[in-house]
Amino acid sequence: MKKLKERMTENGMDYIQVGDYYIPDLQLPEENRPIGIWGRMNKAYLELYHPAQYNDLVLSGKLWTYLADLNEQAQNRLNCIIAQMKAAEGITEELKAQNQMEWVRAMNSIRNRAEEIIRSEMIYC
């Protein structure tokens, strides 16, 4: 009986021997960026309401990249919305110095509204 090769390439695909069988040697792309809170929210949403799209992303190896990109876009959009709301409502560092509790109340309100906008426009759509 002849000895089988441990690795082989056929039809442009690499195979590795496991026992008596050759299985495809698949490698997922390396992604080091975090997916963050927005990425995790969207991942849960896709799993629950769009399983076909979720499975497509998982099987193509693009899920982590997709979620990391979405997280970055959502965070940038959140920062932009907060800055615009602060300017529109006149929330300044001067208010922070004069009345800290009022400033905290206003900033919490702005942040909550901005997060709701992000959730409805980018995460749960």
PDB file of N, CA and C in Angstrom:
ATOM      1  N   MET A   1       0.846  -1.177   0.000  1.00  0.00           N
ATOM      2  CA  MET A   1       0.000   0.000   0.000  1.00  0.00           C
ATOM      3  C   MET A   1       0.890   1.237   0.000  1.00  0.00           C
ATOM      4  N   LYS A   2       0.576   2.201  -0.879  1.00  0.00           N
ATOM      5  CA  LYS A   2       1.426   3.378  -0.977  1.00  0.00           C
ATOM      6  C   LYS A   2       1.030   4.431   0.053  1.00  0.00           C
ATOM      7  N   LYS A   3       2.004   5.214   0.450  1.00  0.00           N
ATOM      8  CA  LYS A   3       1.811   6.276   1.452  1.00  0.00           C
ATOM      9  C   LYS A   3       1.192   7.490   0.768  1.00  0.00           C
ATOM     10  N   LEU A   4       0.109   8.024   1.320  1.00  0.00           N
ATOM     11  CA  LEU A   4      -0.552   9.193   0.760  1.00  0.00           C
ATOM     12  C   LEU A   4       0.153  10.463   1.229  1.00  0.00           C
ATOM     13  N   LYS A   5       0.135  11.474   0.367  1.00  0.00           N
ATOM     14  CA  LYS A   5       0.731  12.754   0.732  1.00  0.00           C
ATOM     15  C   LYS A   5      -0.133  13.427   1.803  1.00  0.00           C
ATOM     16  N   GLU A   6       0.548  14.149   2.725  1.00  0.00           N
ATOM     17  CA  GLU A   6      -0.180  14.826   3.794  1.00  0.00           C
ATOM     18  C   GLU A   6      -0.956  16.025   3.268  1.00  0.00           C
ATOM     19  N   ARG A   7      -0.405  16.731   2.285  1.00  0.00           N
ATOM     20  CA  ARG A   7      -1.061  17.878   1.659  1.00  0.00           C
ATOM     21  C   ARG A   7      -1.044  17.715   0.154  1.00  0.00           C
ATOM     22  N   MET A   8      -2.087  18.222  -0.503  1.00  0.00           N
ATOM     23  CA  MET A   8      -2.115  18.193  -1.956  1.00  0.00           C
ATOM     24  C   MET A   8      -2.929  19.363  -2.472  1.00  0.00           C
ATOM     25  N   THR A   9      -2.673  19.734  -3.706  1.00  0.00           N
ATOM     26  CA  THR A   9      -3.419  20.801  -4.362  1.00  0.00           C
ATOM     27  C   THR A   9      -4.056  20.228  -5.615  1.00  0.00           C
ATOM     28  N   GLU A  10      -5.344  20.453  -5.740  1.00  0.00           N
ATOM     29  CA  GLU A  10      -6.066  19.969  -6.912  1.00  0.00           C
ATOM     30  C   GLU A  10      -7.132  20.984  -7.273  1.00  0.00           C
ATOM     31  N   ASN A  11      -7.222  21.299  -8.550  1.00  0.00           N
ATOM     32  CA  ASN A  11      -8.190  22.279  -9.045  1.00  0.00           C
ATOM     33  C   ASN A  11      -8.049  23.626  -8.341  1.00  0.00           C
ATOM     34  N   GLY A  12      -6.823  23.999  -8.018  1.00  0.00           N
ATOM     35  CA  GLY A  12      -6.564  25.287  -7.391  1.00  0.00           C
ATOM     36  C   GLY A  12      -6.945  25.369  -5.927  1.00  0.00           C
ATOM     37  N   MET A  13      -7.207  24.242  -5.293  1.00  0.00           N
ATOM     38  CA  MET A  13      -7.602  24.240  -3.884  1.00  0.00           C
ATOM     39  C   MET A  13      -6.684  23.316  -3.100  1.00  0.00           C
ATOM     40  N   ASP A  14      -6.285  23.750  -1.923  1.00  0.00           N
ATOM     41  CA  ASP A  14      -5.407  22.947  -1.074  1.00  0.00           C
ATOM     42  C   ASP A  14      -6.233  21.988  -0.220  1.00  0.00           C
ATOM     43  N   TYR A  15      -5.700  20.778  -0.057  1.00  0.00           N
ATOM     44  CA  TYR A  15      -6.354  19.760   0.764  1.00  0.00           C
ATOM     45  C   TYR A  15      -5.338  19.229   1.767  1.00  0.00           C
ATOM     46  N   ILE A  16      -5.828  18.836   2.936  1.00  0.00           N
ATOM     47  CA  ILE A  16      -4.991  18.259   3.971  1.00  0.00           C
ATOM     48  C   ILE A  16      -5.567  16.884   4.326  1.00  0.00           C
ATOM     49  N   GLN A  17      -4.682  15.939   4.596  1.00  0.00           N
ATOM     50  CA  GLN A  17      -5.133  14.593   4.911  1.00  0.00           C
ATOM     51  C   GLN A  17      -5.496  14.497   6.387  1.00  0.00           C
ATOM     52  N   VAL A  18      -6.689  13.991   6.647  1.00  0.00           N
ATOM     53  CA  VAL A  18      -7.162  13.726   8.004  1.00  0.00           C
ATOM     54  C   VAL A  18      -7.645  12.285   7.997  1.00  0.00           C
ATOM     55  N   GLY A  19      -6.873  11.422   8.639  1.00  0.00           N
ATOM     56  CA  GLY A  19      -7.189   9.995   8.588  1.00  0.00           C
ATOM     57  C   GLY A  19      -6.976   9.487   7.181  1.00  0.00           C
ATOM     58  N   ASP A  20      -8.014   8.916   6.587  1.00  0.00           N
ATOM     59  CA  ASP A  20      -7.937   8.408   5.222  1.00  0.00           C
ATOM     60  C   ASP A  20      -8.545   9.369   4.202  1.00  0.00           C
ATOM     61  N   TYR A  21      -8.956  10.557   4.644  1.00  0.00           N
ATOM     62  CA  TYR A  21      -9.673  11.479   3.774  1.00  0.00           C
ATOM     63  C   TYR A  21      -8.892  12.769   3.579  1.00  0.00           C
ATOM     64  N   TYR A  22      -9.121  13.410   2.450  1.00  0.00           N
ATOM     65  CA  TYR A  22      -8.609  14.749   2.205  1.00  0.00           C
ATOM     66  C   TYR A  22      -9.770  15.731   2.382  1.00  0.00           C
ATOM     67  N   ILE A  23      -9.536  16.745   3.205  1.00  0.00           N
ATOM     68  CA  ILE A  23     -10.551  17.783   3.389  1.00  0.00           C
ATOM     69  C   ILE A  23      -9.953  19.109   2.949  1.00  0.00           C
ATOM     70  N   PRO A  24     -10.796  20.048   2.502  1.00  0.00           N
ATOM     71  CA  PRO A  24     -10.269  21.348   2.068  1.00  0.00           C
ATOM     72  C   PRO A  24      -9.583  22.073   3.229  1.00  0.00           C
ATOM     73  N   ASP A  25      -8.441  22.665   2.918  1.00  0.00           N
ATOM     74  CA  ASP A  25      -7.699  23.439   3.919  1.00  0.00           C
ATOM     75  C   ASP A  25      -8.135  24.892   3.790  1.00  0.00           C
ATOM     76  N   LEU A  26      -9.225  25.241   4.480  1.00  0.00           N
ATOM     77  CA  LEU A  26      -9.808  26.581   4.391  1.00  0.00           C
ATOM     78  C   LEU A  26      -9.222  27.481   5.464  1.00  0.00           C
ATOM     79  N   GLN A  27      -8.902  28.696   5.085  1.00  0.00           N
ATOM     80  CA  GLN A  27      -8.362  29.683   6.015  1.00  0.00           C
ATOM     81  C   GLN A  27      -9.268  30.906   5.988  1.00  0.00           C
ATOM     82  N   LEU A  28      -9.670  31.375   7.154  1.00  0.00           N
ATOM     83  CA  LEU A  28     -10.447  32.597   7.249  1.00  0.00           C
ATOM     84  C   LEU A  28      -9.509  33.790   7.202  1.00  0.00           C
ATOM     85  N   PRO A  29      -9.952  34.896   6.616  1.00  0.00           N
ATOM     86  CA  PRO A  29      -9.095  36.078   6.584  1.00  0.00           C
ATOM     87  C   PRO A  29      -8.887  36.617   8.001  1.00  0.00           C
ATOM     88  N   GLU A  30      -7.700  37.146   8.238  1.00  0.00           N
ATOM     89  CA  GLU A  30      -7.387  37.719   9.551  1.00  0.00           C
ATOM     90  C   GLU A  30      -8.022  39.103   9.673  1.00  0.00           C
ATOM     91  N   GLU A  31      -8.752  39.327  10.736  1.00  0.00           N
ATOM     92  CA  GLU A  31      -9.350  40.631  11.019  1.00  0.00           C
ATOM     93  C   GLU A  31      -9.108  40.928  12.478  1.00  0.00           C
ATOM     94  N   ASN A  32      -8.387  41.998  12.753  1.00  0.00           N
ATOM     95  CA  ASN A  32      -8.007  42.322  14.121  1.00  0.00           C
ATOM     96  C   ASN A  32      -8.827  43.457  14.719  1.00  0.00           C
ATOM     97  N   ARG A  33      -9.666  44.089  13.914  1.00  0.00           N
ATOM     98  CA  ARG A  33     -10.457  45.203  14.438  1.00  0.00           C
ATOM     99  C   ARG A  33     -11.597  44.668  15.297  1.00  0.00           C
ATOM    100  N   PRO A  34     -11.925  45.362  16.377  1.00  0.00           N
ATOM    101  CA  PRO A  34     -13.053  44.913  17.215  1.00  0.00           C
ATOM    102  C   PRO A  34     -14.387  45.224  16.539  1.00  0.00           C
ATOM    103  N   ILE A  35     -15.396  44.423  16.845  1.00  0.00           N
ATOM    104  CA  ILE A  35     -16.709  44.687  16.262  1.00  0.00           C
ATOM    105  C   ILE A  35     -17.533  45.620  17.140  1.00  0.00           C
ATOM    106  N   GLY A  36     -17.182  45.795  18.384  1.00  0.00           N
ATOM    107  CA  GLY A  36     -17.836  46.769  19.248  1.00  0.00           C
ATOM    108  C   GLY A  36     -19.310  46.498  19.500  1.00  0.00           C
ATOM    109  N   ILE A  37     -19.931  47.450  20.163  1.00  0.00           N
ATOM    110  CA  ILE A  37     -21.337  47.291  20.557  1.00  0.00           C
ATOM    111  C   ILE A  37     -22.255  47.300  19.346  1.00  0.00           C
ATOM    112  N   TRP A  38     -21.972  48.168  18.365  1.00  0.00           N
ATOM    113  CA  TRP A  38     -22.843  48.263  17.196  1.00  0.00           C
ATOM    114  C   TRP A  38     -22.736  47.007  16.351  1.00  0.00           C
ATOM    115  N   GLY A  39     -21.556  46.477  16.208  1.00  0.00           N
ATOM    116  CA  GLY A  39     -21.372  45.242  15.455  1.00  0.00           C
ATOM    117  C   GLY A  39     -22.071  44.063  16.120  1.00  0.00           C
ATOM    118  N   ARG A  40     -21.976  43.999  17.455  1.00  0.00           N
ATOM    119  CA  ARG A  40     -22.649  42.909  18.171  1.00  0.00           C
ATOM    120  C   ARG A  40     -24.166  43.010  18.053  1.00  0.00           C
ATOM    121  N   MET A  41     -24.687  44.237  18.115  1.00  0.00           N
ATOM    122  CA  MET A  41     -26.135  44.428  17.964  1.00  0.00           C
ATOM    123  C   MET A  41     -26.591  43.982  16.575  1.00  0.00           C
ATOM    124  N   ASN A  42     -25.841  44.382  15.550  1.00  0.00           N
ATOM    125  CA  ASN A  42     -26.219  44.025  14.189  1.00  0.00           C
ATOM    126  C   ASN A  42     -26.071  42.529  13.954  1.00  0.00           C
ATOM    127  N   LYS A  43     -25.064  41.911  14.549  1.00  0.00           N
ATOM    128  CA  LYS A  43     -24.879  40.461  14.422  1.00  0.00           C
ATOM    129  C   LYS A  43     -26.086  39.722  14.997  1.00  0.00           C
ATOM    130  N   ALA A  44     -26.533  40.117  16.173  1.00  0.00           N
ATOM    131  CA  ALA A  44     -27.702  39.487  16.791  1.00  0.00           C
ATOM    132  C   ALA A  44     -28.949  39.706  15.932  1.00  0.00           C
ATOM    133  N   TYR A  45     -29.091  40.902  15.374  1.00  0.00           N
ATOM    134  CA  TYR A  45     -30.233  41.208  14.517  1.00  0.00           C
ATOM    135  C   TYR A  45     -30.215  40.337  13.260  1.00  0.00           C
ATOM    136  N   LEU A  46     -29.048  40.227  12.624  1.00  0.00           N
ATOM    137  CA  LEU A  46     -28.942  39.407  11.419  1.00  0.00           C
ATOM    138  C   LEU A  46     -29.234  37.937  11.712  1.00  0.00           C
ATOM    139  N   GLU A  47     -28.711  37.429  12.824  1.00  0.00           N
ATOM    140  CA  GLU A  47     -28.954  36.031  13.185  1.00  0.00           C
ATOM    141  C   GLU A  47     -30.444  35.754  13.350  1.00  0.00           C
ATOM    142  N   LEU A  48     -31.149  36.701  13.963  1.00  0.00           N
ATOM    143  CA  LEU A  48     -32.552  36.490  14.289  1.00  0.00           C
ATOM    144  C   LEU A  48     -33.497  36.759  13.118  1.00  0.00           C
ATOM    145  N   TYR A  49     -33.271  37.865  12.395  1.00  0.00           N
ATOM    146  CA  TYR A  49     -34.231  38.296  11.392  1.00  0.00           C
ATOM    147  C   TYR A  49     -33.787  38.104   9.946  1.00  0.00           C
ATOM    148  N   HIS A  50     -32.498  37.928   9.699  1.00  0.00           N
ATOM    149  CA  HIS A  50     -31.992  37.733   8.340  1.00  0.00           C
ATOM    150  C   HIS A  50     -30.978  36.595   8.321  1.00  0.00           C
ATOM    151  N   PRO A  51     -31.416  35.381   8.622  1.00  0.00           N
ATOM    152  CA  PRO A  51     -30.473  34.265   8.721  1.00  0.00           C
ATOM    153  C   PRO A  51     -29.768  33.939   7.405  1.00  0.00           C
ATOM    154  N   ALA A  52     -30.417  34.176   6.272  1.00  0.00           N
ATOM    155  CA  ALA A  52     -29.769  33.887   4.986  1.00  0.00           C
ATOM    156  C   ALA A  52     -28.585  34.816   4.755  1.00  0.00           C
ATOM    157  N   GLN A  53     -28.779  36.100   5.018  1.00  0.00           N
ATOM    158  CA  GLN A  53     -27.675  37.061   4.872  1.00  0.00           C
ATOM    159  C   GLN A  53     -26.567  36.757   5.872  1.00  0.00           C
ATOM    160  N   TYR A  54     -26.946  36.424   7.093  1.00  0.00           N
ATOM    161  CA  TYR A  54     -25.954  36.088   8.126  1.00  0.00           C
ATOM    162  C   TYR A  54     -25.134  34.867   7.701  1.00  0.00           C
ATOM    163  N   ASN A  55     -25.794  33.819   7.233  1.00  0.00           N
ATOM    164  CA  ASN A  55     -25.085  32.611   6.797  1.00  0.00           C
ATOM    165  C   ASN A  55     -24.189  32.888   5.607  1.00  0.00           C
ATOM    166  N   ASP A  56     -24.634  33.734   4.694  1.00  0.00           N
ATOM    167  CA  ASP A  56     -23.818  34.103   3.541  1.00  0.00           C
ATOM    168  C   ASP A  56     -22.535  34.794   3.993  1.00  0.00           C
ATOM    169  N   LEU A  57     -22.656  35.718   4.944  1.00  0.00           N
ATOM    170  CA  LEU A  57     -21.471  36.421   5.458  1.00  0.00           C
ATOM    171  C   LEU A  57     -20.537  35.468   6.196  1.00  0.00           C
ATOM    172  N   VAL A  58     -21.103  34.566   6.978  1.00  0.00           N
ATOM    173  CA  VAL A  58     -20.278  33.603   7.718  1.00  0.00           C
ATOM    174  C   VAL A  58     -19.536  32.679   6.757  1.00  0.00           C
ATOM    175  N   LEU A  59     -20.250  32.125   5.789  1.00  0.00           N
ATOM    176  CA  LEU A  59     -19.650  31.157   4.878  1.00  0.00           C
ATOM    177  C   LEU A  59     -18.646  31.789   3.924  1.00  0.00           C
ATOM    178  N   SER A  60     -18.817  33.072   3.617  1.00  0.00           N
ATOM    179  CA  SER A  60     -17.852  33.741   2.739  1.00  0.00           C
ATOM    180  C   SER A  60     -16.650  34.267   3.515  1.00  0.00           C
ATOM    181  N   GLY A  61     -16.731  34.233   4.862  1.00  0.00           N
ATOM    182  CA  GLY A  61     -15.630  34.706   5.696  1.00  0.00           C
ATOM    183  C   GLY A  61     -15.578  36.218   5.829  1.00  0.00           C
ATOM    184  N   LYS A  62     -16.676  36.885   5.507  1.00  0.00           N
ATOM    185  CA  LYS A  62     -16.701  38.352   5.526  1.00  0.00           C
ATOM    186  C   LYS A  62     -17.460  38.925   6.711  1.00  0.00           C
ATOM    187  N   LEU A  63     -17.965  38.098   7.602  1.00  0.00           N
ATOM    188  CA  LEU A  63     -18.803  38.585   8.705  1.00  0.00           C
ATOM    189  C   LEU A  63     -18.051  39.549   9.594  1.00  0.00           C
ATOM    190  N   TRP A  64     -16.858  39.158  10.046  1.00  0.00           N
ATOM    191  CA  TRP A  64     -16.130  39.991  11.003  1.00  0.00           C
ATOM    192  C   TRP A  64     -15.764  41.338  10.384  1.00  0.00           C
ATOM    193  N   THR A  65     -15.339  41.331   9.119  1.00  0.00           N
ATOM    194  CA  THR A  65     -14.992  42.577   8.426  1.00  0.00           C
ATOM    195  C   THR A  65     -16.225  43.462   8.277  1.00  0.00           C
ATOM    196  N   TYR A  66     -17.340  42.848   7.901  1.00  0.00           N
ATOM    197  CA  TYR A  66     -18.596  43.587   7.758  1.00  0.00           C
ATOM    198  C   TYR A  66     -18.998  44.251   9.084  1.00  0.00           C
ATOM    199  N   LEU A  67     -18.925  43.495  10.173  1.00  0.00           N
ATOM    200  CA  LEU A  67     -19.318  44.029  11.478  1.00  0.00           C
ATOM    201  C   LEU A  67     -18.351  45.096  11.968  1.00  0.00           C
ATOM    202  N   ALA A  68     -17.052  44.917  11.723  1.00  0.00           N
ATOM    203  CA  ALA A  68     -16.065  45.923  12.126  1.00  0.00           C
ATOM    204  C   ALA A  68     -16.273  47.221  11.351  1.00  0.00           C
ATOM    205  N   ASP A  69     -16.539  47.114  10.054  1.00  0.00           N
ATOM    206  CA  ASP A  69     -16.818  48.306   9.247  1.00  0.00           C
ATOM    207  C   ASP A  69     -18.076  49.014   9.735  1.00  0.00           C
ATOM    208  N   LEU A  70     -19.130  48.240   9.993  1.00  0.00           N
ATOM    209  CA  LEU A  70     -20.382  48.813  10.478  1.00  0.00           C
ATOM    210  C   LEU A  70     -20.175  49.517  11.812  1.00  0.00           C
ATOM    211  N   ASN A  71     -19.403  48.905  12.705  1.00  0.00           N
ATOM    212  CA  ASN A  71     -19.141  49.504  14.006  1.00  0.00           C
ATOM    213  C   ASN A  71     -18.432  50.849  13.850  1.00  0.00           C
ATOM    214  N   GLU A  72     -17.423  50.910  12.988  1.00  0.00           N
ATOM    215  CA  GLU A  72     -16.697  52.166  12.770  1.00  0.00           C
ATOM    216  C   GLU A  72     -17.607  53.238  12.192  1.00  0.00           C
ATOM    217  N   GLN A  73     -18.416  52.859  11.211  1.00  0.00           N
ATOM    218  CA  GLN A  73     -19.333  53.824  10.599  1.00  0.00           C
ATOM    219  C   GLN A  73     -20.363  54.330  11.612  1.00  0.00           C
ATOM    220  N   ALA A  74     -20.902  53.427  12.405  1.00  0.00           N
ATOM    221  CA  ALA A  74     -21.903  53.816  13.404  1.00  0.00           C
ATOM    222  C   ALA A  74     -21.291  54.725  14.463  1.00  0.00           C
ATOM    223  N   GLN A  75     -20.072  54.421  14.903  1.00  0.00           N
ATOM    224  CA  GLN A  75     -19.425  55.253  15.921  1.00  0.00           C
ATOM    225  C   GLN A  75     -19.123  56.649  15.374  1.00  0.00           C
ATOM    226  N   ASN A  76     -18.658  56.731  14.131  1.00  0.00           N
ATOM    227  CA  ASN A  76     -18.399  58.035  13.510  1.00  0.00           C
ATOM    228  C   ASN A  76     -19.683  58.832  13.353  1.00  0.00           C
ATOM    229  N   ARG A  77     -20.744  58.143  12.935  1.00  0.00           N
ATOM    230  CA  ARG A  77     -22.049  58.810  12.785  1.00  0.00           C
ATOM    231  C   ARG A  77     -22.574  59.273  14.141  1.00  0.00           C
ATOM    232  N   LEU A  78     -22.405  58.477  15.161  1.00  0.00           N
ATOM    233  CA  LEU A  78     -22.844  58.861  16.512  1.00  0.00           C
ATOM    234  C   LEU A  78     -22.128  60.123  16.963  1.00  0.00           C
ATOM    235  N   ASN A  79     -20.810  60.165  16.792  1.00  0.00           N
ATOM    236  CA  ASN A  79     -20.039  61.349  17.194  1.00  0.00           C
ATOM    237  C   ASN A  79     -20.490  62.588  16.431  1.00  0.00           C
ATOM    238  N   CYS A  80     -20.781  62.425  15.142  1.00  0.00           N
ATOM    239  CA  CYS A  80     -21.243  63.542  14.324  1.00  0.00           C
ATOM    240  C   CYS A  80     -22.608  64.047  14.794  1.00  0.00           C
ATOM    241  N   ILE A  81     -23.528  63.130  15.048  1.00  0.00           N
ATOM    242  CA  ILE A  81     -24.875  63.508  15.501  1.00  0.00           C
ATOM    243  C   ILE A  81     -24.801  64.216  16.853  1.00  0.00           C
ATOM    244  N   ILE A  82     -23.990  63.692  17.761  1.00  0.00           N
ATOM    245  CA  ILE A  82     -23.863  64.313  19.089  1.00  0.00           C
ATOM    246  C   ILE A  82     -23.323  65.731  18.959  1.00  0.00           C
ATOM    247  N   ALA A  83     -22.308  65.927  18.130  1.00  0.00           N
ATOM    248  CA  ALA A  83     -21.737  67.269  17.943  1.00  0.00           C
ATOM    249  C   ALA A  83     -22.775  68.224  17.354  1.00  0.00           C
ATOM    250  N   GLN A  84     -23.552  67.746  16.392  1.00  0.00           N
ATOM    251  CA  GLN A  84     -24.578  68.595  15.780  1.00  0.00           C
ATOM    252  C   GLN A  84     -25.680  68.947  16.779  1.00  0.00           C
ATOM    253  N   MET A  85     -26.094  67.984  17.589  1.00  0.00           N
ATOM    254  CA  MET A  85     -27.141  68.246  18.582  1.00  0.00           C
ATOM    255  C   MET A  85     -26.645  69.198  19.669  1.00  0.00           C
ATOM    256  N   LYS A  86     -25.390  69.034  20.083  1.00  0.00           N
ATOM    257  CA  LYS A  86     -24.819  69.956  21.081  1.00  0.00           C
ATOM    258  C   LYS A  86     -24.826  71.389  20.560  1.00  0.00           C
ATOM    259  N   ALA A  87     -24.436  71.559  19.305  1.00  0.00           N
ATOM    260  CA  ALA A  87     -24.408  72.901  18.718  1.00  0.00           C
ATOM    261  C   ALA A  87     -25.828  73.460  18.587  1.00  0.00           C
ATOM    262  N   ALA A  88     -26.772  72.653  18.160  1.00  0.00           N
ATOM    263  CA  ALA A  88     -28.149  73.106  17.963  1.00  0.00           C
ATOM    264  C   ALA A  88     -28.827  73.481  19.283  1.00  0.00           C
ATOM    265  N   GLU A  89     -28.473  72.777  20.372  1.00  0.00           N
ATOM    266  CA  GLU A  89     -29.115  73.026  21.661  1.00  0.00           C
ATOM    267  C   GLU A  89     -28.308  73.943  22.566  1.00  0.00           C
ATOM    268  N   GLY A  90     -27.169  74.383  22.096  1.00  0.00           N
ATOM    269  CA  GLY A  90     -26.361  75.339  22.861  1.00  0.00           C
ATOM    270  C   GLY A  90     -25.695  74.741  24.093  1.00  0.00           C
ATOM    271  N   ILE A  91     -25.318  73.490  24.035  1.00  0.00           N
ATOM    272  CA  ILE A  91     -24.633  72.833  25.154  1.00  0.00           C
ATOM    273  C   ILE A  91     -23.139  73.107  24.982  1.00  0.00           C
ATOM    274  N   THR A  92     -22.572  73.884  25.882  1.00  0.00           N
ATOM    275  CA  THR A  92     -21.175  74.303  25.753  1.00  0.00           C
ATOM    276  C   THR A  92     -20.384  73.941  27.002  1.00  0.00           C
ATOM    277  N   GLU A  93     -19.081  74.146  26.907  1.00  0.00           N
ATOM    278  CA  GLU A  93     -18.212  73.953  28.065  1.00  0.00           C
ATOM    279  C   GLU A  93     -18.503  74.999  29.138  1.00  0.00           C
ATOM    280  N   GLU A  94     -19.016  76.143  28.727  1.00  0.00           N
ATOM    281  CA  GLU A  94     -19.390  77.187  29.694  1.00  0.00           C
ATOM    282  C   GLU A  94     -20.527  76.704  30.581  1.00  0.00           C
ATOM    283  N   LEU A  95     -21.519  76.033  29.982  1.00  0.00           N
ATOM    284  CA  LEU A  95     -22.619  75.450  30.753  1.00  0.00           C
ATOM    285  C   LEU A  95     -22.083  74.388  31.703  1.00  0.00           C
ATOM    286  N   LYS A  96     -21.122  73.623  31.238  1.00  0.00           N
ATOM    287  CA  LYS A  96     -20.519  72.580  32.069  1.00  0.00           C
ATOM    288  C   LYS A  96     -19.853  73.189  33.303  1.00  0.00           C
ATOM    289  N   ALA A  97     -19.205  74.307  33.119  1.00  0.00           N
ATOM    290  CA  ALA A  97     -18.530  74.966  34.236  1.00  0.00           C
ATOM    291  C   ALA A  97     -19.536  75.603  35.200  1.00  0.00           C
ATOM    292  N   GLN A  98     -20.648  76.119  34.680  1.00  0.00           N
ATOM    293  CA  GLN A  98     -21.623  76.814  35.509  1.00  0.00           C
ATOM    294  C   GLN A  98     -22.582  75.870  36.228  1.00  0.00           C
ATOM    295  N   ASN A  99     -23.088  74.882  35.498  1.00  0.00           N
ATOM    296  CA  ASN A  99     -24.117  74.005  36.054  1.00  0.00           C
ATOM    297  C   ASN A  99     -23.871  72.579  35.562  1.00  0.00           C
ATOM    298  N   GLN A 100     -23.103  71.840  36.315  1.00  0.00           N
ATOM    299  CA  GLN A 100     -22.699  70.503  35.879  1.00  0.00           C
ATOM    300  C   GLN A 100     -23.877  69.541  35.754  1.00  0.00           C
ATOM    301  N   MET A 101     -24.801  69.597  36.672  1.00  0.00           N
ATOM    302  CA  MET A 101     -25.937  68.665  36.616  1.00  0.00           C
ATOM    303  C   MET A 101     -26.811  68.920  35.387  1.00  0.00           C
ATOM    304  N   GLU A 102     -27.018  70.165  35.042  1.00  0.00           N
ATOM    305  CA  GLU A 102     -27.786  70.495  33.842  1.00  0.00           C
ATOM    306  C   GLU A 102     -27.056  70.012  32.590  1.00  0.00           C
ATOM    307  N   TRP A 103     -25.730  70.183  32.574  1.00  0.00           N
ATOM    308  CA  TRP A 103     -24.919  69.735  31.442  1.00  0.00           C
ATOM    309  C   TRP A 103     -25.002  68.206  31.295  1.00  0.00           C
ATOM    310  N   VAL A 104     -24.901  67.483  32.411  1.00  0.00           N
ATOM    311  CA  VAL A 104     -24.984  66.016  32.382  1.00  0.00           C
ATOM    312  C   VAL A 104     -26.361  65.577  31.892  1.00  0.00           C
ATOM    313  N   ARG A 105     -27.407  66.225  32.372  1.00  0.00           N
ATOM    314  CA  ARG A 105     -28.767  65.888  31.933  1.00  0.00           C
ATOM    315  C   ARG A 105     -28.912  66.093  30.428  1.00  0.00           C
ATOM    316  N   ALA A 106     -28.440  67.218  29.939  1.00  0.00           N
ATOM    317  CA  ALA A 106     -28.552  67.531  28.517  1.00  0.00           C
ATOM    318  C   ALA A 106     -27.729  66.558  27.669  1.00  0.00           C
ATOM    319  N   MET A 107     -26.520  66.231  28.111  1.00  0.00           N
ATOM    320  CA  MET A 107     -25.659  65.323  27.350  1.00  0.00           C
ATOM    321  C   MET A 107     -26.223  63.902  27.337  1.00  0.00           C
ATOM    322  N   ASN A 108     -26.777  63.456  28.450  1.00  0.00           N
ATOM    323  CA  ASN A 108     -27.405  62.127  28.483  1.00  0.00           C
ATOM    324  C   ASN A 108     -28.599  62.069  27.530  1.00  0.00           C
ATOM    325  N   SER A 109     -29.379  63.141  27.505  1.00  0.00           N
ATOM    326  CA  SER A 109     -30.514  63.204  26.597  1.00  0.00           C
ATOM    327  C   SER A 109     -30.046  63.155  25.139  1.00  0.00           C
ATOM    328  N   ILE A 110     -29.031  63.940  24.826  1.00  0.00           N
ATOM    329  CA  ILE A 110     -28.490  63.966  23.462  1.00  0.00           C
ATOM    330  C   ILE A 110     -27.944  62.602  23.081  1.00  0.00           C
ATOM    331  N   ARG A 111     -27.180  61.995  23.962  1.00  0.00           N
ATOM    332  CA  ARG A 111     -26.580  60.684  23.651  1.00  0.00           C
ATOM    333  C   ARG A 111     -27.654  59.612  23.431  1.00  0.00           C
ATOM    334  N   ASN A 112     -28.680  59.608  24.287  1.00  0.00           N
ATOM    335  CA  ASN A 112     -29.758  58.629  24.130  1.00  0.00           C
ATOM    336  C   ASN A 112     -30.491  58.807  22.809  1.00  0.00           C
ATOM    337  N   ARG A 113     -30.772  60.045  22.422  1.00  0.00           N
ATOM    338  CA  ARG A 113     -31.451  60.298  21.150  1.00  0.00           C
ATOM    339  C   ARG A 113     -30.566  59.912  19.973  1.00  0.00           C
ATOM    340  N   ALA A 114     -29.279  60.232  20.053  1.00  0.00           N
ATOM    341  CA  ALA A 114     -28.352  59.898  18.970  1.00  0.00           C
ATOM    342  C   ALA A 114     -28.213  58.375  18.819  1.00  0.00           C
ATOM    343  N   GLU A 115     -28.132  57.664  19.934  1.00  0.00           N
ATOM    344  CA  GLU A 115     -28.038  56.200  19.875  1.00  0.00           C
ATOM    345  C   GLU A 115     -29.301  55.594  19.273  1.00  0.00           C
ATOM    346  N   GLU A 116     -30.453  56.166  19.566  1.00  0.00           N
ATOM    347  CA  GLU A 116     -31.704  55.670  18.994  1.00  0.00           C
ATOM    348  C   GLU A 116     -31.719  55.886  17.481  1.00  0.00           C
ATOM    349  N   ILE A 117     -31.187  57.007  17.029  1.00  0.00           N
ATOM    350  CA  ILE A 117     -31.093  57.271  15.590  1.00  0.00           C
ATOM    351  C   ILE A 117     -30.192  56.227  14.927  1.00  0.00           C
ATOM    352  N   ILE A 118     -29.057  55.939  15.538  1.00  0.00           N
ATOM    353  CA  ILE A 118     -28.112  54.946  14.986  1.00  0.00           C
ATOM    354  C   ILE A 118     -28.777  53.580  14.930  1.00  0.00           C
ATOM    355  N   ARG A 119     -29.450  53.195  15.996  1.00  0.00           N
ATOM    356  CA  ARG A 119     -30.113  51.892  16.017  1.00  0.00           C
ATOM    357  C   ARG A 119     -31.160  51.785  14.900  1.00  0.00           C
ATOM    358  N   SER A 120     -31.959  52.830  14.721  1.00  0.00           N
ATOM    359  CA  SER A 120     -33.038  52.740  13.726  1.00  0.00           C
ATOM    360  C   SER A 120     -32.525  52.879  12.293  1.00  0.00           C
ATOM    361  N   GLU A 121     -31.459  53.657  12.068  1.00  0.00           N
ATOM    362  CA  GLU A 121     -30.971  53.891  10.700  1.00  0.00           C
ATOM    363  C   GLU A 121     -29.932  52.883  10.235  1.00  0.00           C
ATOM    364  N   MET A 122     -29.111  52.373  11.144  1.00  0.00           N
ATOM    365  CA  MET A 122     -27.976  51.559  10.719  1.00  0.00           C
ATOM    366  C   MET A 122     -27.999  50.120  11.235  1.00  0.00           C
ATOM    367  N   ILE A 123     -28.517  49.896  12.415  1.00  0.00           N
ATOM    368  CA  ILE A 123     -28.413  48.579  13.028  1.00  0.00           C
ATOM    369  C   ILE A 123     -29.621  47.706  12.726  1.00  0.00           C
ATOM    370  N   TYR A 124     -30.810  48.208  12.980  1.00  0.00           N
ATOM    371  CA  TYR A 124     -32.020  47.409  12.823  1.00  0.00           C
ATOM    372  C   TYR A 124     -32.754  47.784  11.544  1.00  0.00           C
ATOM    373  N   CYS A 125     -32.102  47.648  10.407  1.00  0.00           N
ATOM    374  CA  CYS A 125     -32.760  47.969   9.130  1.00  0.00           C
ATOM    375  C   CYS A 125     -32.426  46.908   8.114  1.00  0.00           C
TER     376      CYS A 125
END
